[in-house]
C-alpha atoms as a PDB file:
ATOM      1  CA  MET A   1     -55.222 -33.468  33.081  1.00  0.00           C
ATOM      2  CA  ALA A   2     -56.306 -31.883  36.334  1.00  0.00           C
ATOM      3  CA  ILE A   3     -56.837 -28.339  37.580  1.00  0.00           C
ATOM      4  CA  LEU A   4     -56.157 -27.648  41.272  1.00  0.00           C
ATOM      5  CA  SER A   5     -57.677 -24.410  42.566  1.00  0.00           C
ATOM      6  CA  ILE A   6     -57.925 -22.569  45.851  1.00  0.00           C
ATOM      7  CA  GLY A   7     -60.396 -19.816  46.674  1.00  0.00           C
ATOM      8  CA  HIS A   8     -62.207 -17.609  44.169  1.00  0.00           C
ATOM      9  CA  PRO A   9     -60.257 -18.844  41.091  1.00  0.00           C
ATOM     10  CA  GLY A  10     -62.109 -22.129  41.589  1.00  0.00           C
ATOM     11  CA  ASN A  11     -65.004 -20.299  39.900  1.00  0.00           C
ATOM     12  CA  PHE A  12     -62.700 -19.613  36.934  1.00  0.00           C
ATOM     13  CA  ALA A  13     -61.886 -23.317  36.776  1.00  0.00           C
ATOM     14  CA  VAL A  14     -65.577 -24.268  36.696  1.00  0.00           C
ATOM     15  CA  GLN A  15     -66.239 -21.818  33.856  1.00  0.00           C
ATOM     16  CA  ALA A  16     -63.085 -22.858  31.975  1.00  0.00           C
ATOM     17  CA  CYS A  17     -64.098 -26.525  32.244  1.00  0.00           C
ATOM     18  CA  GLU A  18     -67.468 -25.669  30.681  1.00  0.00           C
ATOM     19  CA  GLN A  19     -65.769 -23.857  27.784  1.00  0.00           C
ATOM     20  CA  LEU A  20     -63.268 -26.691  27.326  1.00  0.00           C
ATOM     21  CA  LYS A  21     -66.042 -29.297  27.344  1.00  0.00           C
ATOM     22  CA  ALA A  22     -67.463 -27.635  24.226  1.00  0.00           C
ATOM     23  CA  LYS A  23     -64.037 -28.216  22.605  1.00  0.00           C
ATOM     24  CA  GLY A  24     -63.919 -31.881  23.615  1.00  0.00           C
ATOM     25  CA  ILE A  25     -61.425 -31.369  26.471  1.00  0.00           C
ATOM     26  CA  PHE A  26     -62.491 -32.670  29.875  1.00  0.00           C
ATOM     27  CA  PRO A  27     -60.085 -31.669  32.670  1.00  0.00           C
ATOM     28  CA  ALA A  28     -60.737 -32.828  36.218  1.00  0.00           C
ATOM     29  CA  HIS A  29     -61.182 -29.992  38.724  1.00  0.00           C
ATOM     30  CA  TYR A  30     -60.151 -30.296  42.351  1.00  0.00           C
ATOM     31  CA  ASP A  31     -60.883 -27.349  44.648  1.00  0.00           C
ATOM     32  CA  LEU A  32     -58.620 -27.347  47.688  1.00  0.00           C
ATOM     33  CA  ARG A  33     -60.271 -26.014  50.821  1.00  0.00           C
ATOM     34  CA  PHE A  34     -56.999 -25.016  52.450  1.00  0.00           C
ATOM     35  CA  VAL A  35     -53.273 -24.950  51.749  1.00  0.00           C
ATOM     36  CA  LYS A  36     -51.981 -25.759  55.226  1.00  0.00           C
ATOM     37  CA  PRO A  37     -52.035 -28.579  55.816  1.00  0.00           C
ATOM     38  CA  LEU A  38     -52.331 -29.838  52.257  1.00  0.00           C
ATOM     39  CA  ASP A  39     -54.983 -32.470  51.619  1.00  0.00           C
ATOM     40  CA  GLU A  40     -52.604 -35.382  51.084  1.00  0.00           C
ATOM     41  CA  GLU A  41     -55.328 -37.892  50.224  1.00  0.00           C
ATOM     42  CA  LEU A  42     -56.571 -35.617  47.456  1.00  0.00           C
ATOM     43  CA  LEU A  43     -53.032 -35.012  46.146  1.00  0.00           C
ATOM     44  CA  HIS A  44     -52.274 -38.745  46.094  1.00  0.00           C
ATOM     45  CA  GLU A  45     -55.424 -39.184  43.997  1.00  0.00           C
ATOM     46  CA  VAL A  46     -54.434 -36.355  41.615  1.00  0.00           C
ATOM     47  CA  PHE A  47     -50.840 -37.435  41.049  1.00  0.00           C
ATOM     48  CA  THR A  48     -51.745 -41.111  40.753  1.00  0.00           C
ATOM     49  CA  GLN A  49     -54.251 -40.366  37.980  1.00  0.00           C
ATOM     50  CA  TYR A  50     -52.862 -37.326  36.130  1.00  0.00           C
ATOM     51  CA  LYS A  51     -49.502 -36.439  34.571  1.00  0.00           C
ATOM     52  CA  LYS A  52     -50.528 -32.897  33.615  1.00  0.00           C
ATOM     53  CA  VAL A  53     -51.663 -30.502  36.341  1.00  0.00           C
ATOM     54  CA  ILE A  54     -52.450 -26.787  36.427  1.00  0.00           C
ATOM     55  CA  THR A  55     -52.689 -24.923  39.720  1.00  0.00           C
ATOM     56  CA  ILE A  56     -54.583 -21.639  39.928  1.00  0.00           C
ATOM     57  CA  GLU A  57     -54.709 -19.308  42.898  1.00  0.00           C
ATOM     58  CA  ASP A  58     -55.458 -15.710  43.797  1.00  0.00           C
ATOM     59  CA  GLY A  59     -52.056 -15.343  45.400  1.00  0.00           C
ATOM     60  CA  CYS A  60     -48.354 -15.305  44.632  1.00  0.00           C
ATOM     61  CA  ILE A  61     -47.049 -17.974  42.284  1.00  0.00           C
ATOM     62  CA  MET A  62     -43.668 -18.092  44.030  1.00  0.00           C
ATOM     63  CA  GLY A  63     -44.160 -19.605  47.465  1.00  0.00           C
ATOM     64  CA  GLY A  64     -47.895 -20.067  46.985  1.00  0.00           C
ATOM     65  CA  MET A  65     -50.218 -23.046  46.741  1.00  0.00           C
ATOM     66  CA  GLY A  66     -48.744 -24.204  43.431  1.00  0.00           C
ATOM     67  CA  SER A  67     -45.253 -24.223  44.921  1.00  0.00           C
ATOM     68  CA  ALA A  68     -46.480 -26.189  47.942  1.00  0.00           C
ATOM     69  CA  VAL A  69     -48.121 -28.725  45.627  1.00  0.00           C
ATOM     70  CA  ILE A  70     -44.883 -29.141  43.637  1.00  0.00           C
ATOM     71  CA  GLU A  71     -42.875 -29.596  46.849  1.00  0.00           C
ATOM     72  CA  TRP A  72     -45.367 -32.207  48.039  1.00  0.00           C
ATOM     73  CA  MET A  73     -45.236 -33.951  44.653  1.00  0.00           C
ATOM     74  CA  CYS A  74     -41.425 -34.170  44.799  1.00  0.00           C
ATOM     75  CA  ASP A  75     -41.392 -35.273  48.442  1.00  0.00           C
ATOM     76  CA  HIS A  76     -43.735 -38.149  47.541  1.00  0.00           C
ATOM     77  CA  ASN A  77     -41.828 -39.222  44.409  1.00  0.00           C
ATOM     78  CA  TYR A  78     -44.507 -38.284  41.889  1.00  0.00           C
ATOM     79  CA  SER A  79     -43.679 -36.883  38.484  1.00  0.00           C
ATOM     80  CA  ALA A  80     -45.989 -34.616  36.504  1.00  0.00           C
ATOM     81  CA  GLN A  81     -45.925 -31.587  34.270  1.00  0.00           C
ATOM     82  CA  VAL A  82     -47.209 -28.734  36.457  1.00  0.00           C
ATOM     83  CA  VAL A  83     -48.147 -25.213  35.341  1.00  0.00           C
ATOM     84  CA  ARG A  84     -48.805 -22.586  38.036  1.00  0.00           C
ATOM     85  CA  LEU A  85     -51.174 -19.653  37.482  1.00  0.00           C
ATOM     86  CA  GLY A  86     -51.494 -16.777  39.916  1.00  0.00           C
ATOM     87  CA  ILE A  87     -49.880 -13.442  40.736  1.00  0.00           C
ATOM     88  CA  PRO A  88     -46.403 -13.196  39.181  1.00  0.00           C
ATOM     89  CA  ASP A  89     -43.365 -11.897  41.024  1.00  0.00           C
ATOM     90  CA  TYR A  90     -43.484  -8.257  39.936  1.00  0.00           C
ATOM     91  CA  PHE A  91     -45.340  -5.132  40.966  1.00  0.00           C
ATOM     92  CA  VAL A  92     -48.874  -5.236  39.590  1.00  0.00           C
ATOM     93  CA  GLU A  93     -50.498  -1.913  38.729  1.00  0.00           C
ATOM     94  CA  GLN A  94     -53.969  -0.925  39.877  1.00  0.00           C
ATOM     95  CA  GLY A  95     -57.077  -1.841  37.929  1.00  0.00           C
ATOM     96  CA  THR A  96     -60.377  -3.633  38.122  1.00  0.00           C
ATOM     97  CA  GLN A  97     -60.307  -7.252  39.216  1.00  0.00           C
ATOM     98  CA  LYS A  98     -60.957  -8.407  35.639  1.00  0.00           C
ATOM     99  CA  GLU A  99     -58.072  -6.231  34.358  1.00  0.00           C
ATOM    100  CA  LEU A 100     -55.746  -7.547  37.042  1.00  0.00           C
ATOM    101  CA  TYR A 101     -56.641 -11.195  36.372  1.00  0.00           C
ATOM    102  CA  ALA A 102     -55.851 -10.600  32.687  1.00  0.00           C
ATOM    103  CA  GLU A 103     -52.593  -8.747  33.475  1.00  0.00           C
ATOM    104  CA  CYS A 104     -51.468 -11.526  35.795  1.00  0.00           C
ATOM    105  CA  GLY A 105     -52.558 -14.247  33.379  1.00  0.00           C
ATOM    106  CA  TYR A 106     -54.992 -16.243  35.467  1.00  0.00           C
ATOM    107  CA  GLY A 107     -58.448 -15.248  34.265  1.00  0.00           C
ATOM    108  CA  ILE A 108     -60.849 -17.699  32.645  1.00  0.00           C
ATOM    109  CA  ALA A 109     -59.454 -17.186  29.128  1.00  0.00           C
ATOM    110  CA  ASP A 110     -55.905 -17.630  30.441  1.00  0.00           C
ATOM    111  CA  LEU A 111     -56.822 -20.885  32.130  1.00  0.00           C
ATOM    112  CA  VAL A 112     -58.463 -22.195  28.960  1.00  0.00           C
ATOM    113  CA  LYS A 113     -55.293 -21.326  26.994  1.00  0.00           C
ATOM    114  CA  ALA A 114     -53.086 -22.989  29.622  1.00  0.00           C
ATOM    115  CA  VAL A 115     -55.136 -26.195  29.468  1.00  0.00           C
ATOM    116  CA  GLU A 116     -55.023 -26.224  25.673  1.00  0.00           C
ATOM    117  CA  ALA A 117     -51.252 -25.620  25.724  1.00  0.00           C
ATOM    118  CA  ILE A 118     -50.465 -28.362  28.253  1.00  0.00           C
ATOM    119  CA  MET A 119     -52.700 -30.810  26.391  1.00  0.00           C
ATOM    120  CA  ALA A 120     -50.857 -30.060  23.127  1.00  0.00           C
ATOM    121  CA  LYS A 121     -47.523 -31.164  24.652  1.00  0.00           C
END
């Protein structure tokens, strides 16, 4: 399985991978440098090698990086199970960054749970 990140949540992915390694789970981590244009060479590599992918971003799930990756995947006739983590499509209350990551479900613990869940399927 692979984790695709953009921006600061890439740090979450690094920490989640360390925690998962202790549990015997070894996801690949790809940190995109930009969303437009998408790094097609990198995405060909990901979808050729992995059938389970999690995207994580510090932005909106709907219409964000994860959505662009899914569109690209479909346009290039790849098939994979993809889970998107980021800011959901509802009004998010104020709080500390850590509180907001937890409320939106894309903190380190949330990413670890998402990896464990997708691997169990």
